Amino acid sequence: MNKLNNDALKALSGIEIALMEMNSKDRKDEEFTAAEFLTELHKTGQEITYDAAEKRLKRMAERKLLKFRLIPINGHHTRVYSKH
């Protein structure tokens, strides 16, 4: 009986882990994409390309000024950025 309880607890923990993983794929309010960053830059008069905006964000992440993670958006893995 004790083994059954342990197995049930392990299964429940696995389910909880899977649910947390699914929820972590959701985009958080403070996160933004390179396309959104580019739109904001254009609003301030900075006319740069998408590639240039994406490179700027990647450099900021390398310098630990931003963090990023990949999430599925419209069927593609997309980087979303946020403050540390």
PDB file of N, CA and C in Angstrom:
ATOM      1  N   MET A   1       0.814  -1.189   0.000  1.00  0.00           N
ATOM      2  CA  MET A   1       0.000   0.000   0.000  1.00  0.00           C
ATOM      3  C   MET A   1       0.865   1.264   0.000  1.00  0.00           C
ATOM      4  N   ASN A   2       1.946   1.236   0.758  1.00  0.00           N
ATOM      5  CA  ASN A   2       2.834   2.383   0.825  1.00  0.00           C
ATOM      6  C   ASN A   2       3.452   2.681  -0.539  1.00  0.00           C
ATOM      7  N   LYS A   3       3.831   1.622  -1.308  1.00  0.00           N
ATOM      8  CA  LYS A   3       4.397   1.818  -2.642  1.00  0.00           C
ATOM      9  C   LYS A   3       3.386   2.487  -3.558  1.00  0.00           C
ATOM     10  N   LEU A   4       2.129   2.096  -3.469  1.00  0.00           N
ATOM     11  CA  LEU A   4       1.085   2.700  -4.286  1.00  0.00           C
ATOM     12  C   LEU A   4       0.969   4.188  -3.979  1.00  0.00           C
ATOM     13  N   ASN A   5       1.018   4.542  -2.730  1.00  0.00           N
ATOM     14  CA  ASN A   5       0.940   5.946  -2.343  1.00  0.00           C
ATOM     15  C   ASN A   5       2.125   6.729  -2.899  1.00  0.00           C
ATOM     16  N   ASN A   6       3.328   6.157  -2.813  1.00  0.00           N
ATOM     17  CA  ASN A   6       4.515   6.815  -3.346  1.00  0.00           C
ATOM     18  C   ASN A   6       4.416   6.996  -4.860  1.00  0.00           C
ATOM     19  N   ASP A   7       3.944   5.951  -5.558  1.00  0.00           N
ATOM     20  CA  ASP A   7       3.790   6.052  -7.014  1.00  0.00           C
ATOM     21  C   ASP A   7       2.753   7.114  -7.377  1.00  0.00           C
ATOM     22  N   ALA A   8       1.665   7.147  -6.615  1.00  0.00           N
ATOM     23  CA  ALA A   8       0.630   8.154  -6.872  1.00  0.00           C
ATOM     24  C   ALA A   8       1.187   9.556  -6.629  1.00  0.00           C
ATOM     25  N   LEU A   9       1.977   9.728  -5.597  1.00  0.00           N
ATOM     26  CA  LEU A   9       2.566  11.032  -5.309  1.00  0.00           C
ATOM     27  C   LEU A   9       3.546  11.445  -6.409  1.00  0.00           C
ATOM     28  N   LYS A  10       4.345  10.482  -6.887  1.00  0.00           N
ATOM     29  CA  LYS A  10       5.273  10.778  -7.981  1.00  0.00           C
ATOM     30  C   LYS A  10       4.514  11.181  -9.235  1.00  0.00           C
ATOM     31  N   ALA A  11       3.417  10.487  -9.541  1.00  0.00           N
ATOM     32  CA  ALA A  11       2.607  10.809 -10.724  1.00  0.00           C
ATOM     33  C   ALA A  11       1.997  12.196 -10.584  1.00  0.00           C
ATOM     34  N   LEU A  12       1.503  12.515  -9.416  1.00  0.00           N
ATOM     35  CA  LEU A  12       0.914  13.818  -9.181  1.00  0.00           C
ATOM     36  C   LEU A  12       1.967  14.906  -9.354  1.00  0.00           C
ATOM     37  N   SER A  13       3.157  14.671  -8.835  1.00  0.00           N
ATOM     38  CA  SER A  13       4.229  15.644  -8.993  1.00  0.00           C
ATOM     39  C   SER A  13       4.561  15.846 -10.467  1.00  0.00           C
ATOM     40  N   GLY A  14       4.573  14.749 -11.233  1.00  0.00           N
ATOM     41  CA  GLY A  14       4.829  14.856 -12.665  1.00  0.00           C
ATOM     42  C   GLY A  14       3.765  15.658 -13.377  1.00  0.00           C
ATOM     43  N   ILE A  15       2.510  15.449 -12.997  1.00  0.00           N
ATOM     44  CA  ILE A  15       1.409  16.213 -13.588  1.00  0.00           C
ATOM     45  C   ILE A  15       1.564  17.690 -13.253  1.00  0.00           C
ATOM     46  N   GLU A  16       1.887  17.962 -12.015  1.00  0.00           N
ATOM     47  CA  GLU A  16       2.065  19.368 -11.605  1.00  0.00           C
ATOM     48  C   GLU A  16       3.216  20.022 -12.360  1.00  0.00           C
ATOM     49  N   ILE A  17       4.296  19.287 -12.553  1.00  0.00           N
ATOM     50  CA  ILE A  17       5.430  19.810 -13.319  1.00  0.00           C
ATOM     51  C   ILE A  17       5.014  20.091 -14.753  1.00  0.00           C
ATOM     52  N   ALA A  18       4.267  19.174 -15.357  1.00  0.00           N
ATOM     53  CA  ALA A  18       3.807  19.370 -16.739  1.00  0.00           C
ATOM     54  C   ALA A  18       2.904  20.591 -16.846  1.00  0.00           C
ATOM     55  N   LEU A  19       2.019  20.784 -15.888  1.00  0.00           N
ATOM     56  CA  LEU A  19       1.139  21.957 -15.905  1.00  0.00           C
ATOM     57  C   LEU A  19       1.929  23.255 -15.751  1.00  0.00           C
ATOM     58  N   MET A  20       2.923  23.242 -14.882  1.00  0.00           N
ATOM     59  CA  MET A  20       3.751  24.436 -14.714  1.00  0.00           C
ATOM     60  C   MET A  20       4.502  24.752 -16.001  1.00  0.00           C
ATOM     61  N   GLU A  21       4.998  23.723 -16.672  1.00  0.00           N
ATOM     62  CA  GLU A  21       5.725  23.913 -17.927  1.00  0.00           C
ATOM     63  C   GLU A  21       4.816  24.514 -18.981  1.00  0.00           C
ATOM     64  N   MET A  22       3.585  24.020 -19.063  1.00  0.00           N
ATOM     65  CA  MET A  22       2.638  24.568 -20.035  1.00  0.00           C
ATOM     66  C   MET A  22       2.349  26.035 -19.736  1.00  0.00           C
ATOM     67  N   ASN A  23       2.169  26.368 -18.479  1.00  0.00           N
ATOM     68  CA  ASN A  23       1.878  27.749 -18.096  1.00  0.00           C
ATOM     69  C   ASN A  23       3.073  28.660 -18.330  1.00  0.00           C
ATOM     70  N   SER A  24       4.284  28.135 -18.253  1.00  0.00           N
ATOM     71  CA  SER A  24       5.464  28.968 -18.457  1.00  0.00           C
ATOM     72  C   SER A  24       5.631  29.340 -19.931  1.00  0.00           C
ATOM     73  N   LYS A  25       4.900  28.654 -20.820  1.00  0.00           N
ATOM     74  CA  LYS A  25       4.968  28.976 -22.239  1.00  0.00           C
ATOM     75  C   LYS A  25       4.088  30.180 -22.571  1.00  0.00           C
ATOM     76  N   ASP A  26       3.227  30.578 -21.629  1.00  0.00           N
ATOM     77  CA  ASP A  26       2.398  31.746 -21.846  1.00  0.00           C
ATOM     78  C   ASP A  26       3.240  33.002 -21.714  1.00  0.00           C
ATOM     79  N   ARG A  27       2.906  33.969 -22.505  1.00  0.00           N
ATOM     80  CA  ARG A  27       3.635  35.234 -22.478  1.00  0.00           C
ATOM     81  C   ARG A  27       3.181  36.060 -21.280  1.00  0.00           C
ATOM     82  N   LYS A  28       4.141  36.640 -20.605  1.00  0.00           N
ATOM     83  CA  LYS A  28       3.854  37.471 -19.439  1.00  0.00           C
ATOM     84  C   LYS A  28       3.692  38.925 -19.871  1.00  0.00           C
ATOM     85  N   ASP A  29       2.987  39.694 -19.068  1.00  0.00           N
ATOM     86  CA  ASP A  29       2.682  41.084 -19.411  1.00  0.00           C
ATOM     87  C   ASP A  29       3.924  41.938 -19.657  1.00  0.00           C
ATOM     88  N   GLU A  30       4.992  41.676 -18.924  1.00  0.00           N
ATOM     89  CA  GLU A  30       6.195  42.515 -19.041  1.00  0.00           C
ATOM     90  C   GLU A  30       7.104  42.103 -20.200  1.00  0.00           C
ATOM     91  N   GLU A  31       6.789  41.038 -20.896  1.00  0.00           N
ATOM     92  CA  GLU A  31       7.627  40.550 -21.979  1.00  0.00           C
ATOM     93  C   GLU A  31       7.253  41.205 -23.315  1.00  0.00           C
ATOM     94  N   PHE A  32       8.259  41.336 -24.173  1.00  0.00           N
ATOM     95  CA  PHE A  32       8.038  41.943 -25.488  1.00  0.00           C
ATOM     96  C   PHE A  32       8.893  41.243 -26.530  1.00  0.00           C
ATOM     97  N   THR A  33       8.476  41.359 -27.778  1.00  0.00           N
ATOM     98  CA  THR A  33       9.208  40.745 -28.893  1.00  0.00           C
ATOM     99  C   THR A  33      10.071  41.797 -29.586  1.00  0.00           C
ATOM    100  N   ALA A  34      10.923  41.328 -30.469  1.00  0.00           N
ATOM    101  CA  ALA A  34      11.753  42.244 -31.255  1.00  0.00           C
ATOM    102  C   ALA A  34      10.879  43.129 -32.142  1.00  0.00           C
ATOM    103  N   ALA A  35       9.801  42.574 -32.677  1.00  0.00           N
ATOM    104  CA  ALA A  35       8.894  43.365 -33.531  1.00  0.00           C
ATOM    105  C   ALA A  35       8.253  44.495 -32.734  1.00  0.00           C
ATOM    106  N   GLU A  36       7.865  44.231 -31.502  1.00  0.00           N
ATOM    107  CA  GLU A  36       7.280  45.276 -30.658  1.00  0.00           C
ATOM    108  C   GLU A  36       8.319  46.324 -30.285  1.00  0.00           C
ATOM    109  N   PHE A  37       9.534  45.884 -30.025  1.00  0.00           N
ATOM    110  CA  PHE A  37      10.631  46.808 -29.748  1.00  0.00           C
ATOM    111  C   PHE A  37      10.864  47.720 -30.947  1.00  0.00           C
ATOM    112  N   LEU A  38      10.859  47.144 -32.132  1.00  0.00           N
ATOM    113  CA  LEU A  38      11.054  47.915 -33.351  1.00  0.00           C
ATOM    114  C   LEU A  38       9.942  48.952 -33.516  1.00  0.00           C
ATOM    115  N   THR A  39       8.713  48.572 -33.262  1.00  0.00           N
ATOM    116  CA  THR A  39       7.592  49.505 -33.360  1.00  0.00           C
ATOM    117  C   THR A  39       7.789  50.688 -32.421  1.00  0.00           C
ATOM    118  N   GLU A  40       8.218  50.423 -31.206  1.00  0.00           N
ATOM    119  CA  GLU A  40       8.457  51.498 -30.245  1.00  0.00           C
ATOM    120  C   GLU A  40       9.616  52.400 -30.686  1.00  0.00           C
ATOM    121  N   LEU A  41      10.664  51.802 -31.246  1.00  0.00           N
ATOM    122  CA  LEU A  41      11.771  52.612 -31.763  1.00  0.00           C
ATOM    123  C   LEU A  41      11.294  53.526 -32.887  1.00  0.00           C
ATOM    124  N   HIS A  42      10.467  53.009 -33.772  1.00  0.00           N
ATOM    125  CA  HIS A  42       9.942  53.815 -34.880  1.00  0.00           C
ATOM    126  C   HIS A  42       9.086  54.960 -34.363  1.00  0.00           C
ATOM    127  N   LYS A  43       8.352  54.739 -33.288  1.00  0.00           N
ATOM    128  CA  LYS A  43       7.524  55.799 -32.691  1.00  0.00           C
ATOM    129  C   LYS A  43       8.377  56.957 -32.181  1.00  0.00           C
ATOM    130  N   THR A  44       9.617  56.652 -31.775  1.00  0.00           N
ATOM    131  CA  THR A  44      10.515  57.693 -31.267  1.00  0.00           C
ATOM    132  C   THR A  44      11.386  58.291 -32.379  1.00  0.00           C
ATOM    133  N   GLY A  45      11.125  57.877 -33.620  1.00  0.00           N
ATOM    134  CA  GLY A  45      11.863  58.432 -34.752  1.00  0.00           C
ATOM    135  C   GLY A  45      13.114  57.679 -35.134  1.00  0.00           C
ATOM    136  N   GLN A  46      13.395  56.571 -34.477  1.00  0.00           N
ATOM    137  CA  GLN A  46      14.586  55.781 -34.809  1.00  0.00           C
ATOM    138  C   GLN A  46      14.217  54.802 -35.922  1.00  0.00           C
ATOM    139  N   GLU A  47      14.642  55.096 -37.113  1.00  0.00           N
ATOM    140  CA  GLU A  47      14.322  54.252 -38.275  1.00  0.00           C
ATOM    141  C   GLU A  47      15.437  53.236 -38.495  1.00  0.00           C
ATOM    142  N   ILE A  48      15.305  52.086 -37.826  1.00  0.00           N
ATOM    143  CA  ILE A  48      16.272  51.006 -38.014  1.00  0.00           C
ATOM    144  C   ILE A  48      15.517  49.787 -38.531  1.00  0.00           C
ATOM    145  N   THR A  49      16.243  48.811 -38.986  1.00  0.00           N
ATOM    146  CA  THR A  49      15.627  47.601 -39.529  1.00  0.00           C
ATOM    147  C   THR A  49      15.291  46.622 -38.400  1.00  0.00           C
ATOM    148  N   TYR A  50      14.482  45.639 -38.736  1.00  0.00           N
ATOM    149  CA  TYR A  50      14.155  44.577 -37.785  1.00  0.00           C
ATOM    150  C   TYR A  50      15.425  43.854 -37.346  1.00  0.00           C
ATOM    151  N   ASP A  51      16.302  43.541 -38.304  1.00  0.00           N
ATOM    152  CA  ASP A  51      17.546  42.831 -37.973  1.00  0.00           C
ATOM    153  C   ASP A  51      18.394  43.624 -36.985  1.00  0.00           C
ATOM    154  N   ALA A  52      18.474  44.934 -37.188  1.00  0.00           N
ATOM    155  CA  ALA A  52      19.261  45.785 -36.290  1.00  0.00           C
ATOM    156  C   ALA A  52      18.642  45.812 -34.897  1.00  0.00           C
ATOM    157  N   ALA A  53      17.320  45.881 -34.824  1.00  0.00           N
ATOM    158  CA  ALA A  53      16.635  45.880 -33.528  1.00  0.00           C
ATOM    159  C   ALA A  53      16.860  44.551 -32.809  1.00  0.00           C
ATOM    160  N   GLU A  54      16.755  43.462 -33.557  1.00  0.00           N
ATOM    161  CA  GLU A  54      16.965  42.138 -32.972  1.00  0.00           C
ATOM    162  C   GLU A  54      18.402  41.986 -32.461  1.00  0.00           C
ATOM    163  N   LYS A  55      19.370  42.461 -33.218  1.00  0.00           N
ATOM    164  CA  LYS A  55      20.771  42.388 -32.776  1.00  0.00           C
ATOM    165  C   LYS A  55      20.992  43.209 -31.517  1.00  0.00           C
ATOM    166  N   ARG A  56      20.348  44.375 -31.440  1.00  0.00           N
ATOM    167  CA  ARG A  56      20.487  45.221 -30.253  1.00  0.00           C
ATOM    168  C   ARG A  56      19.951  44.487 -29.020  1.00  0.00           C
ATOM    169  N   LEU A  57      18.805  43.846 -29.158  1.00  0.00           N
ATOM    170  CA  LEU A  57      18.230  43.099 -28.036  1.00  0.00           C
ATOM    171  C   LEU A  57      19.115  41.925 -27.636  1.00  0.00           C
ATOM    172  N   LYS A  58      19.656  41.217 -28.608  1.00  0.00           N
ATOM    173  CA  LYS A  58      20.538  40.086 -28.305  1.00  0.00           C
ATOM    174  C   LYS A  58      21.795  40.554 -27.569  1.00  0.00           C
ATOM    175  N   ARG A  59      22.357  41.687 -27.989  1.00  0.00           N
ATOM    176  CA  ARG A  59      23.537  42.239 -27.290  1.00  0.00           C
ATOM    177  C   ARG A  59      23.181  42.629 -25.861  1.00  0.00           C
ATOM    178  N   MET A  60      22.001  43.218 -25.675  1.00  0.00           N
ATOM    179  CA  MET A  60      21.575  43.593 -24.327  1.00  0.00           C
ATOM    180  C   MET A  60      21.397  42.354 -23.453  1.00  0.00           C
ATOM    181  N   ALA A  61      20.911  41.270 -24.027  1.00  0.00           N
ATOM    182  CA  ALA A  61      20.769  40.019 -23.282  1.00  0.00           C
ATOM    183  C   ALA A  61      22.144  39.432 -22.945  1.00  0.00           C
ATOM    184  N   GLU A  62      23.079  39.512 -23.883  1.00  0.00           N
ATOM    185  CA  GLU A  62      24.439  39.023 -23.621  1.00  0.00           C
ATOM    186  C   GLU A  62      25.086  39.795 -22.483  1.00  0.00           C
ATOM    187  N   ARG A  63      24.799  41.089 -22.392  1.00  0.00           N
ATOM    188  CA  ARG A  63      25.357  41.936 -21.321  1.00  0.00           C
ATOM    189  C   ARG A  63      24.552  41.848 -20.029  1.00  0.00           C
ATOM    190  N   LYS A  64      23.541  40.972 -20.020  1.00  0.00           N
ATOM    191  CA  LYS A  64      22.696  40.744 -18.846  1.00  0.00           C
ATOM    192  C   LYS A  64      21.834  41.966 -18.495  1.00  0.00           C
ATOM    193  N   LEU A  65      21.579  42.841 -19.474  1.00  0.00           N
ATOM    194  CA  LEU A  65      20.671  43.960 -19.253  1.00  0.00           C
ATOM    195  C   LEU A  65      19.220  43.521 -19.425  1.00  0.00           C
ATOM    196  N   LEU A  66      19.012  42.490 -20.229  1.00  0.00           N
ATOM    197  CA  LEU A  66      17.708  41.879 -20.454  1.00  0.00           C
ATOM    198  C   LEU A  66      17.864  40.375 -20.329  1.00  0.00           C
ATOM    199  N   LYS A  67      16.754  39.707 -20.111  1.00  0.00           N
ATOM    200  CA  LYS A  67      16.755  38.250 -20.207  1.00  0.00           C
ATOM    201  C   LYS A  67      15.749  37.881 -21.288  1.00  0.00           C
ATOM    202  N   PHE A  68      15.878  36.669 -21.831  1.00  0.00           N
ATOM    203  CA  PHE A  68      14.937  36.229 -22.847  1.00  0.00           C
ATOM    204  C   PHE A  68      14.629  34.760 -22.654  1.00  0.00           C
ATOM    205  N   ARG A  69      13.537  34.362 -23.270  1.00  0.00           N
ATOM    206  CA  ARG A  69      13.177  32.948 -23.328  1.00  0.00           C
ATOM    207  C   ARG A  69      12.412  32.734 -24.625  1.00  0.00           C
ATOM    208  N   LEU A  70      12.372  31.504 -25.064  1.00  0.00           N
ATOM    209  CA  LEU A  70      11.652  31.151 -26.283  1.00  0.00           C
ATOM    210  C   LEU A  70      10.272  30.622 -25.919  1.00  0.00           C
ATOM    211  N   ILE A  71       9.265  31.152 -26.598  1.00  0.00           N
ATOM    212  CA  ILE A  71       7.901  30.648 -26.421  1.00  0.00           C
ATOM    213  C   ILE A  71       7.267  30.501 -27.799  1.00  0.00           C
ATOM    214  N   PRO A  72       6.297  29.627 -27.923  1.00  0.00           N
ATOM    215  CA  PRO A  72       5.611  29.497 -29.212  1.00  0.00           C
ATOM    216  C   PRO A  72       4.610  30.639 -29.414  1.00  0.00           C
ATOM    217  N   ILE A  73       4.754  31.332 -30.523  1.00  0.00           N
ATOM    218  CA  ILE A  73       3.796  32.361 -30.934  1.00  0.00           C
ATOM    219  C   ILE A  73       3.464  32.087 -32.389  1.00  0.00           C
ATOM    220  N   ASN A  74       2.201  31.885 -32.665  1.00  0.00           N
ATOM    221  CA  ASN A  74       1.738  31.571 -34.019  1.00  0.00           C
ATOM    222  C   ASN A  74       2.501  30.401 -34.636  1.00  0.00           C
ATOM    223  N   GLY A  75       2.789  29.396 -33.828  1.00  0.00           N
ATOM    224  CA  GLY A  75       3.433  28.189 -34.326  1.00  0.00           C
ATOM    225  C   GLY A  75       4.940  28.274 -34.508  1.00  0.00           C
ATOM    226  N   HIS A  76       5.547  29.397 -34.129  1.00  0.00           N
ATOM    227  CA  HIS A  76       7.001  29.561 -34.254  1.00  0.00           C
ATOM    228  C   HIS A  76       7.587  29.880 -32.886  1.00  0.00           C
ATOM    229  N   HIS A  77       8.785  29.360 -32.625  1.00  0.00           N
ATOM    230  CA  HIS A  77       9.470  29.725 -31.393  1.00  0.00           C
ATOM    231  C   HIS A  77       9.973  31.162 -31.533  1.00  0.00           C
ATOM    232  N   THR A  78       9.580  31.989 -30.599  1.00  0.00           N
ATOM    233  CA  THR A  78       9.877  33.410 -30.656  1.00  0.00           C
ATOM    234  C   THR A  78      10.546  33.824 -29.356  1.00  0.00           C
ATOM    235  N   ARG A  79      11.570  34.662 -29.470  1.00  0.00           N
ATOM    236  CA  ARG A  79      12.213  35.208 -28.277  1.00  0.00           C
ATOM    237  C   ARG A  79      11.334  36.305 -27.693  1.00  0.00           C
ATOM    238  N   VAL A  80      11.098  36.228 -26.409  1.00  0.00           N
ATOM    239  CA  VAL A  80      10.454  37.326 -25.695  1.00  0.00           C
ATOM    240  C   VAL A  80      11.441  37.813 -24.647  1.00  0.00           C
ATOM    241  N   TYR A  81      11.556  39.124 -24.529  1.00  0.00           N
ATOM    242  CA  TYR A  81      12.541  39.758 -23.668  1.00  0.00           C
ATOM    243  C   TYR A  81      11.854  40.409 -22.478  1.00  0.00           C
ATOM    244  N   SER A  82      12.607  40.555 -21.390  1.00  0.00           N
ATOM    245  CA  SER A  82      12.121  41.264 -20.212  1.00  0.00           C
ATOM    246  C   SER A  82      13.306  41.725 -19.395  1.00  0.00           C
ATOM    247  N   LYS A  83      13.023  42.592 -18.411  1.00  0.00           N
ATOM    248  CA  LYS A  83      14.062  43.021 -17.485  1.00  0.00           C
ATOM    249  C   LYS A  83      14.413  41.872 -16.565  1.00  0.00           C
ATOM    250  N   HIS A  84      15.577  41.951 -15.955  1.00  0.00           N
ATOM    251  CA  HIS A  84      15.991  40.919 -14.976  1.00  0.00           C
ATOM    252  C   HIS A  84      15.217  41.058 -13.714  1.00  0.00           C
TER     253      HIS A  84
END
